[in-house]
Amino acid sequence: MENKRDTSYSFFDDVYEVVMLIPKGKVTSYGAIANYLGTKMSARMVGWAMNAAHTNDKIPAHRVVNRSGLLTGRHHFETPATMQQKLEKEGVKIKNHQVIEFEKRFWDPTKELQ
């Protein structure tokens, strides 16, 4: 993302810009977003950004999972089932809180946003 000097702009804003580009029916990981933003070691900060985004319907936070495809952020939605319901509505199959065929559904911003 472009480096903005506006003091009201934050790392979270960069994360949200990437998340809003994830296509329906695809998922990405906290680490993939951090890597794309050039901060490979800050996957946890991406997670914090996602936790703060669950009240904003414009940000598809349900499309961000952990590196194994687990719905680790599900407890930050209105109900723990909301994340899974939103993904299933987009055609993503989930079993035991994990994306089925994760590799097939994975969207890598580093490759997709060149």
Protein backbone atom coordinates (compact mmCIF):
# COMPACT_ATOMS: atom_id res chain seq x y z
CA MET A 1 0.00 0.00 0.00
CA GLU A 2 1.13 3.50 -0.54
CA ASN A 3 2.98 5.24 2.28
CA LYS A 4 0.75 7.99 3.56
CA ARG A 5 2.07 10.80 5.70
CA ASP A 6 -1.35 11.74 7.08
CA THR A 7 -1.17 11.11 10.83
CA SER A 8 -4.74 9.79 10.86
CA TYR A 9 -3.68 6.98 8.53
CA SER A 10 -2.57 3.75 10.17
CA PHE A 11 -1.32 0.21 9.62
CA PHE A 12 -4.91 -0.91 10.19
CA ASP A 13 -5.98 1.18 7.18
CA ASP A 14 -3.40 -0.61 5.02
CA VAL A 15 -4.74 -3.95 6.25
CA TYR A 16 -8.32 -2.95 5.48
CA GLU A 17 -7.39 -1.86 1.95
CA VAL A 18 -5.98 -5.32 1.26
CA VAL A 19 -8.89 -7.15 2.92
CA MET A 20 -11.40 -5.24 0.82
CA LEU A 21 -9.72 -6.68 -2.31
CA ILE A 22 -10.14 -10.34 -1.33
CA PRO A 23 -12.62 -11.81 -3.83
CA LYS A 24 -15.81 -13.48 -2.67
CA GLY A 25 -15.27 -17.19 -2.20
CA LYS A 26 -11.56 -16.73 -1.37
CA VAL A 27 -9.70 -16.44 1.91
CA THR A 28 -6.28 -15.23 2.94
CA SER A 29 -4.24 -15.37 6.13
CA TYR A 30 -3.07 -12.81 8.62
CA GLY A 31 0.52 -13.63 7.69
CA ALA A 32 -0.08 -13.27 3.94
CA ILE A 33 -1.44 -9.77 4.50
CA ALA A 34 1.48 -8.85 6.77
CA ASN A 35 3.93 -10.20 4.18
CA TYR A 36 2.28 -8.19 1.40
CA LEU A 37 2.53 -5.03 3.50
CA GLY A 38 6.24 -5.64 4.01
CA THR A 39 5.88 -6.46 7.69
CA LYS A 40 6.19 -10.24 7.57
CA MET A 41 6.50 -10.60 11.33
CA SER A 42 3.35 -8.64 12.17
CA ALA A 43 0.61 -11.20 11.48
CA ARG A 44 -0.61 -10.62 15.04
CA MET A 45 -1.12 -6.91 14.30
CA VAL A 46 -3.18 -7.90 11.24
CA GLY A 47 -5.26 -10.01 13.64
CA TRP A 48 -5.79 -6.99 15.87
CA ALA A 49 -6.89 -4.99 12.85
CA MET A 50 -9.38 -7.73 11.96
CA ASN A 51 -10.71 -7.79 15.53
CA ALA A 52 -11.35 -4.05 15.26
CA ALA A 53 -13.02 -4.43 11.83
CA HIS A 54 -15.86 -6.77 12.70
CA THR A 55 -18.27 -3.90 13.31
CA ASN A 56 -17.65 -2.44 9.84
CA ASP A 57 -19.75 -4.27 7.22
CA LYS A 58 -17.62 -2.83 4.39
CA ILE A 59 -14.57 -4.83 5.50
CA PRO A 60 -14.97 -8.57 4.75
CA ALA A 61 -13.08 -9.67 7.86
CA HIS A 62 -14.64 -13.13 7.57
CA ARG A 63 -12.27 -13.84 4.64
CA VAL A 64 -9.17 -13.67 6.85
CA VAL A 65 -8.17 -16.91 8.59
CA ASN A 66 -5.02 -18.33 10.13
CA ARG A 67 -2.24 -19.96 8.12
CA SER A 68 -3.94 -23.38 8.37
CA GLY A 69 -7.34 -22.13 7.30
CA LEU A 70 -8.80 -22.13 10.80
CA LEU A 71 -11.50 -19.59 11.61
CA THR A 72 -9.57 -18.26 14.59
CA GLY A 73 -11.33 -14.89 14.48
CA ARG A 74 -14.83 -16.37 14.74
CA HIS A 75 -15.30 -15.28 18.35
CA HIS A 76 -14.99 -11.62 17.38
CA PHE A 77 -18.14 -11.64 15.23
CA GLU A 78 -21.74 -11.09 16.39
CA THR A 79 -21.89 -14.83 17.15
CA PRO A 80 -19.19 -17.49 16.82
CA ALA A 81 -21.14 -18.97 13.85
CA THR A 82 -21.30 -15.71 11.86
CA MET A 83 -17.87 -16.03 10.23
CA GLN A 84 -18.62 -19.55 9.00
CA GLN A 85 -22.09 -18.54 7.77
CA LYS A 86 -20.67 -15.65 5.75
CA LEU A 87 -18.00 -17.86 4.16
CA GLU A 88 -20.48 -20.62 3.36
CA LYS A 89 -22.78 -18.08 1.75
CA GLU A 90 -19.85 -17.33 -0.62
CA GLY A 91 -19.38 -21.03 -1.41
CA VAL A 92 -16.52 -21.76 0.99
CA LYS A 93 -16.93 -25.12 2.70
CA ILE A 94 -16.05 -25.32 6.39
CA LYS A 95 -15.62 -28.35 8.63
CA ASN A 96 -14.68 -28.17 12.32
CA HIS A 97 -14.02 -24.42 11.99
CA GLN A 98 -11.53 -24.96 9.15
CA VAL A 99 -11.68 -24.08 5.43
CA ILE A 100 -11.95 -27.23 3.30
CA GLU A 101 -9.52 -27.20 0.36
CA PHE A 102 -7.75 -24.22 1.90
CA GLU A 103 -4.99 -24.21 -0.74
CA LYS A 104 -7.60 -23.97 -3.50
CA ARG A 105 -9.43 -21.10 -1.76
CA PHE A 106 -6.28 -19.24 -0.69
CA TRP A 107 -5.80 -15.75 -2.14
CA ASP A 108 -2.22 -14.51 -1.87
CA PRO A 109 -2.08 -10.70 -2.10
CA THR A 110 1.64 -10.82 -2.96
CA LYS A 111 0.83 -12.75 -6.14
CA GLU A 112 -2.59 -11.24 -6.90
CA LEU A 113 -1.76 -7.56 -6.34
CA GLN A 114 1.43 -7.12 -8.34
